[in-house]
């Protein structure tokens, strides 16, 4: 076999390098993330972490000891501007500080965030102190998230849940069902939060904002917003809600 010459150039994603740790059971976030960042000249590297098919507090906590291994599966020697752990509920159960510590043991990351820590930052940015809080989770898991939000001085005057234990079913909840749930629950809150990276929310954020004249947050939306912010990527992303259009 004849050897041929080659030249080395720049790696993909010159503007920033992002890492995303996705649950084994998540079928939604990668699609939505690529919709968010397409054309931004960013590198997005994805690793998976094993997770239970059904959501429970014990199953969420079990991911704590797997985070470092998941982070170590990113390409070696890369230095990430931001790494996101894509699980709203597990971030609340484990704790954001512990999540960041475990991930940084496995990879070189300047910043680490998750949907819950990103929601808190988004509320500060938009000066939101009250939420309609909608989750797909069973009540005991939903309660943990709501208590986390309250600990940061944010009220949840209305809460609701689809009470769905199966992750596979969560990924298949119709966007129209989410809109209907919000319609049944909404009573004038300044913002709505639709929790869970596995819910299909990308296509309905702006529709909800226009219908109820409020701010609408979703787990995937606040996570990519915060990762771009932490990575110092300035860009106005139109079509995904008021939060991202302000970047």
Protein backbone atom coordinates (compact mmCIF):
# COMPACT_ATOMS: atom_id res chain seq x y z
CA UNK A 1 0.00 0.00 0.00
CA UNK A 2 1.41 3.37 -1.02
CA UNK A 3 1.68 6.03 1.65
CA UNK A 4 0.21 9.42 0.67
CA UNK A 5 0.83 12.79 2.27
CA UNK A 6 -1.65 14.72 4.36
CA UNK A 7 -1.93 17.98 6.28
CA UNK A 8 -3.49 18.69 9.66
CA UNK A 9 -5.92 21.54 10.08
CA UNK A 10 -8.20 22.89 12.75
CA UNK A 11 -10.69 20.58 14.49
CA UNK A 12 -14.41 21.04 14.03
CA UNK A 13 -16.18 23.66 16.08
CA UNK A 14 -13.67 26.48 16.30
CA UNK A 15 -16.01 28.79 18.22
CA UNK A 16 -16.42 26.52 21.26
CA UNK A 17 -16.31 22.91 22.40
CA UNK A 18 -19.34 21.61 24.25
CA UNK A 19 -19.83 18.26 25.93
CA UNK A 20 -23.17 16.66 26.70
CA UNK A 21 -23.76 13.66 28.96
CA UNK A 22 -27.08 12.09 27.96
CA UNK A 23 -29.10 9.43 29.74
CA UNK A 24 -29.27 6.03 28.07
CA UNK A 25 -33.07 6.36 28.08
CA UNK A 26 -33.20 9.85 26.51
CA UNK A 27 -34.49 9.91 22.93
CA UNK A 28 -35.08 13.65 22.56
CA UNK A 29 -32.28 15.96 23.66
CA UNK A 30 -29.74 15.25 20.92
CA UNK A 31 -32.26 16.10 18.21
CA UNK A 32 -33.29 19.30 19.96
CA UNK A 33 -29.70 20.36 20.70
CA UNK A 34 -28.68 20.06 17.06
CA UNK A 35 -31.70 22.15 16.10
CA UNK A 36 -30.53 24.81 18.56
CA UNK A 37 -26.87 25.02 17.53
CA UNK A 38 -26.92 24.17 13.82
CA UNK A 39 -24.79 26.69 11.97
CA UNK A 40 -23.04 28.12 15.05
CA UNK A 41 -19.67 26.45 14.30
CA UNK A 42 -19.66 24.64 17.64
CA UNK A 43 -18.31 21.20 18.41
CA UNK A 44 -20.80 19.11 20.37
CA UNK A 45 -19.45 15.85 21.78
CA UNK A 46 -21.94 13.45 23.35
CA UNK A 47 -21.44 10.69 25.90
CA UNK A 48 -24.10 8.41 27.35
CA UNK A 49 -24.65 7.34 30.94
CA UNK A 50 -26.56 4.18 31.86
CA UNK A 51 -29.92 4.90 33.45
CA UNK A 52 -33.07 3.10 34.49
CA UNK A 53 -36.01 2.71 32.14
CA UNK A 54 -38.30 3.96 34.92
CA UNK A 55 -37.72 7.14 36.91
CA UNK A 56 -37.25 6.80 40.67
CA UNK A 57 -35.25 8.63 43.31
CA UNK A 58 -33.00 5.61 43.89
CA UNK A 59 -32.38 5.16 40.17
CA UNK A 60 -31.50 8.82 39.77
CA UNK A 61 -29.07 8.75 42.69
CA UNK A 62 -27.42 5.63 41.25
CA UNK A 63 -26.08 7.73 38.37
CA UNK A 64 -23.83 9.66 40.76
CA UNK A 65 -21.10 7.01 40.72
CA UNK A 66 -21.32 6.67 36.91
CA UNK A 67 -20.79 10.33 36.04
CA UNK A 68 -16.99 10.27 36.04
CA UNK A 69 -16.90 7.22 33.76
CA UNK A 70 -19.36 8.84 31.35
CA UNK A 71 -17.24 12.00 31.24
CA UNK A 72 -14.07 9.97 30.64
CA UNK A 73 -15.57 8.61 27.40
CA UNK A 74 -15.29 11.98 25.68
CA UNK A 75 -12.37 12.23 23.23
CA UNK A 76 -9.13 12.38 25.19
CA UNK A 77 -7.14 15.61 25.46
CA UNK A 78 -10.10 17.83 24.58
CA UNK A 79 -10.68 20.83 26.80
CA UNK A 80 -14.37 21.67 26.95
CA UNK A 81 -15.65 25.20 27.34
CA UNK A 82 -18.79 23.76 28.92
CA UNK A 83 -20.16 20.31 29.71
CA UNK A 84 -23.84 19.73 30.40
CA UNK A 85 -25.31 16.83 32.35
CA UNK A 86 -28.65 16.29 30.67
CA UNK A 87 -30.91 15.20 33.50
CA UNK A 88 -33.07 17.68 35.38
CA UNK A 89 -34.29 15.29 38.05
CA UNK A 90 -30.98 13.54 38.76
CA UNK A 91 -29.23 16.91 39.05
CA UNK A 92 -31.64 17.80 41.85
CA UNK A 93 -31.35 14.43 43.57
CA UNK A 94 -27.54 14.27 43.38
CA UNK A 95 -26.86 18.00 43.73
CA UNK A 96 -25.37 20.35 41.14
CA UNK A 97 -22.05 20.81 42.97
CA UNK A 98 -21.50 17.06 43.23
CA UNK A 99 -22.46 16.56 39.58
CA UNK A 100 -19.87 19.14 38.50
CA UNK A 101 -17.19 17.61 40.72
CA UNK A 102 -17.76 14.09 39.40
CA UNK A 103 -17.74 15.22 35.76
CA UNK A 104 -14.55 17.25 36.16
CA UNK A 105 -12.83 14.12 37.47
CA UNK A 106 -13.45 12.47 34.11
CA UNK A 107 -12.72 15.24 31.61
CA UNK A 108 -11.21 18.68 31.24
CA UNK A 109 -14.12 21.11 31.54
CA UNK A 110 -13.96 24.81 32.28
CA UNK A 111 -17.65 24.92 33.23
CA UNK A 112 -20.25 22.29 34.10
CA UNK A 113 -24.00 22.82 34.30
CA UNK A 114 -27.28 20.92 34.18
CA UNK A 115 -30.92 21.77 33.47
CA UNK A 116 -31.77 22.58 37.08
CA UNK A 117 -28.80 24.89 37.68
CA UNK A 118 -29.53 26.42 34.27
CA UNK A 119 -33.17 27.03 35.19
CA UNK A 120 -32.07 28.93 38.29
CA UNK A 121 -29.74 31.08 36.19
CA UNK A 122 -32.45 31.66 33.58
CA UNK A 123 -34.89 32.81 36.27
CA UNK A 124 -32.29 35.26 37.58
CA UNK A 125 -31.59 36.51 34.06
CA UNK A 126 -35.28 37.04 33.29
CA UNK A 127 -36.07 38.25 36.82
CA UNK A 128 -38.64 35.49 37.32
CA UNK A 129 -39.71 34.69 40.88
CA UNK A 130 -42.76 32.50 40.22
CA UNK A 131 -43.25 29.52 37.91
CA UNK A 132 -45.91 27.25 36.59
CA UNK A 133 -43.93 24.03 37.07
CA UNK A 134 -44.91 21.10 34.82
CA UNK A 135 -43.16 17.73 35.02
CA UNK A 136 -43.71 14.24 33.61
CA UNK A 137 -42.41 12.57 36.77
CA UNK A 138 -44.02 10.62 39.58
CA UNK A 139 -44.92 12.89 42.54
CA UNK A 140 -42.02 12.00 44.86
CA UNK A 141 -39.47 12.91 42.17
CA UNK A 142 -41.36 16.07 41.19
CA UNK A 143 -41.36 17.16 44.83
CA UNK A 144 -37.54 17.07 44.96
CA UNK A 145 -37.27 19.40 41.97
CA UNK A 146 -39.84 21.81 43.35
CA UNK A 147 -38.04 21.96 46.70
CA UNK A 148 -34.78 22.71 44.86
CA UNK A 149 -36.40 25.64 43.05
CA UNK A 150 -37.87 26.94 46.32
CA UNK A 151 -34.43 26.82 47.96
CA UNK A 152 -33.33 29.49 45.49
CA UNK A 153 -36.19 31.82 46.36
CA UNK A 154 -38.36 30.97 43.36
CA UNK A 155 -42.02 30.22 43.97
CA UNK A 156 -44.05 27.58 42.12
CA UNK A 157 -47.60 28.80 42.58
CA UNK A 158 -48.96 26.13 40.22
CA UNK A 159 -47.54 22.63 39.71
CA UNK A 160 -48.64 19.73 37.56
CA UNK A 161 -47.40 16.32 36.47
CA UNK A 162 -48.16 13.73 33.81
CA UNK A 163 -47.28 11.17 36.52
CA UNK A 164 -45.44 9.03 33.98
CA UNK A 165 -42.88 6.58 35.32
CA UNK A 166 -41.66 5.16 31.99
CA UNK A 167 -38.92 7.14 30.23
CA UNK A 168 -39.97 5.61 26.91
CA UNK A 169 -43.47 6.96 27.39
CA UNK A 170 -42.17 10.38 28.45
CA UNK A 171 -40.32 10.66 25.14
CA UNK A 172 -43.62 10.01 23.35
CA UNK A 173 -45.86 12.50 25.14
CA UNK A 174 -47.33 14.60 22.36
CA UNK A 175 -46.44 18.31 22.28
CA UNK A 176 -50.18 19.01 21.99
CA UNK A 177 -50.66 17.25 25.34
CA UNK A 178 -48.10 19.59 26.89
CA UNK A 179 -49.92 22.63 25.51
CA UNK A 180 -53.22 21.27 26.81
CA UNK A 181 -51.73 20.68 30.26
CA UNK A 182 -50.39 24.23 30.38
CA UNK A 183 -53.81 25.53 29.31
CA UNK A 184 -55.46 23.67 32.19
CA UNK A 185 -52.92 24.85 34.77
CA UNK A 186 -51.93 28.39 33.79
CA UNK A 187 -53.19 31.19 36.02
CA UNK A 188 -51.07 34.22 35.21
CA UNK A 189 -47.56 33.17 36.24
CA UNK A 190 -44.74 35.23 34.64
CA UNK A 191 -43.03 32.06 33.44
CA UNK A 192 -43.65 28.39 32.73
CA UNK A 193 -41.10 25.61 33.17
CA UNK A 194 -41.55 22.31 31.34
CA UNK A 195 -39.19 19.88 33.02
CA UNK A 196 -37.37 16.86 31.52
CA UNK A 197 -34.88 16.60 28.67
CA UNK A 198 -36.87 13.70 27.22
CA UNK A 199 -40.02 15.77 26.58
CA UNK A 200 -40.54 17.14 23.07
CA UNK A 201 -40.75 20.88 23.76
CA UNK A 202 -38.71 22.59 21.06
CA UNK A 203 -41.61 23.09 18.65
CA UNK A 204 -44.02 24.57 21.19
CA UNK A 205 -42.01 27.05 23.29
CA UNK A 206 -42.86 30.09 21.19
CA UNK A 207 -46.47 28.96 20.74
CA UNK A 208 -46.89 28.80 24.51
CA UNK A 209 -45.25 32.20 24.99
CA UNK A 210 -47.56 33.82 22.45
CA UNK A 211 -50.68 32.10 23.76
CA UNK A 212 -50.13 33.03 27.41
CA UNK A 213 -47.99 36.18 27.03
CA UNK A 214 -45.28 34.86 29.33
CA UNK A 215 -41.80 33.36 29.29
CA UNK A 216 -41.56 29.63 28.62
CA UNK A 217 -38.57 27.60 29.77
CA UNK A 218 -37.86 23.94 29.01
CA UNK A 219 -35.07 21.70 30.29
CA UNK A 220 -33.28 21.48 26.94
CA UNK A 221 -33.72 25.17 26.20
CA UNK A 222 -32.31 26.43 29.50
CA UNK A 223 -29.45 23.93 29.32
CA UNK A 224 -28.22 25.00 25.87
CA UNK A 225 -28.75 28.67 26.82
CA UNK A 226 -26.54 28.27 29.87
CA UNK A 227 -23.89 26.24 28.06
CA UNK A 228 -23.60 28.90 25.35
CA UNK A 229 -23.46 31.61 28.02
CA UNK A 230 -20.75 29.81 30.00
CA UNK A 231 -18.78 29.16 26.81
CA UNK A 232 -19.01 32.89 25.91
CA UNK A 233 -20.82 32.18 22.65
CA UNK A 234 -22.90 35.19 21.68
CA UNK A 235 -25.71 34.47 19.26
CA UNK A 236 -29.39 35.27 18.96
CA UNK A 237 -31.31 32.06 18.28
CA UNK A 238 -34.70 32.95 16.85
CA UNK A 239 -37.66 30.60 17.12
CA UNK A 240 -36.87 28.95 20.45
CA UNK A 241 -38.37 31.38 22.93
CA UNK A 242 -37.56 34.70 24.55
CA UNK A 243 -34.64 33.32 26.57
CA UNK A 244 -32.52 32.24 23.62
CA UNK A 245 -33.37 35.23 21.45
CA UNK A 246 -31.64 37.41 24.08
CA UNK A 247 -28.22 35.72 23.85
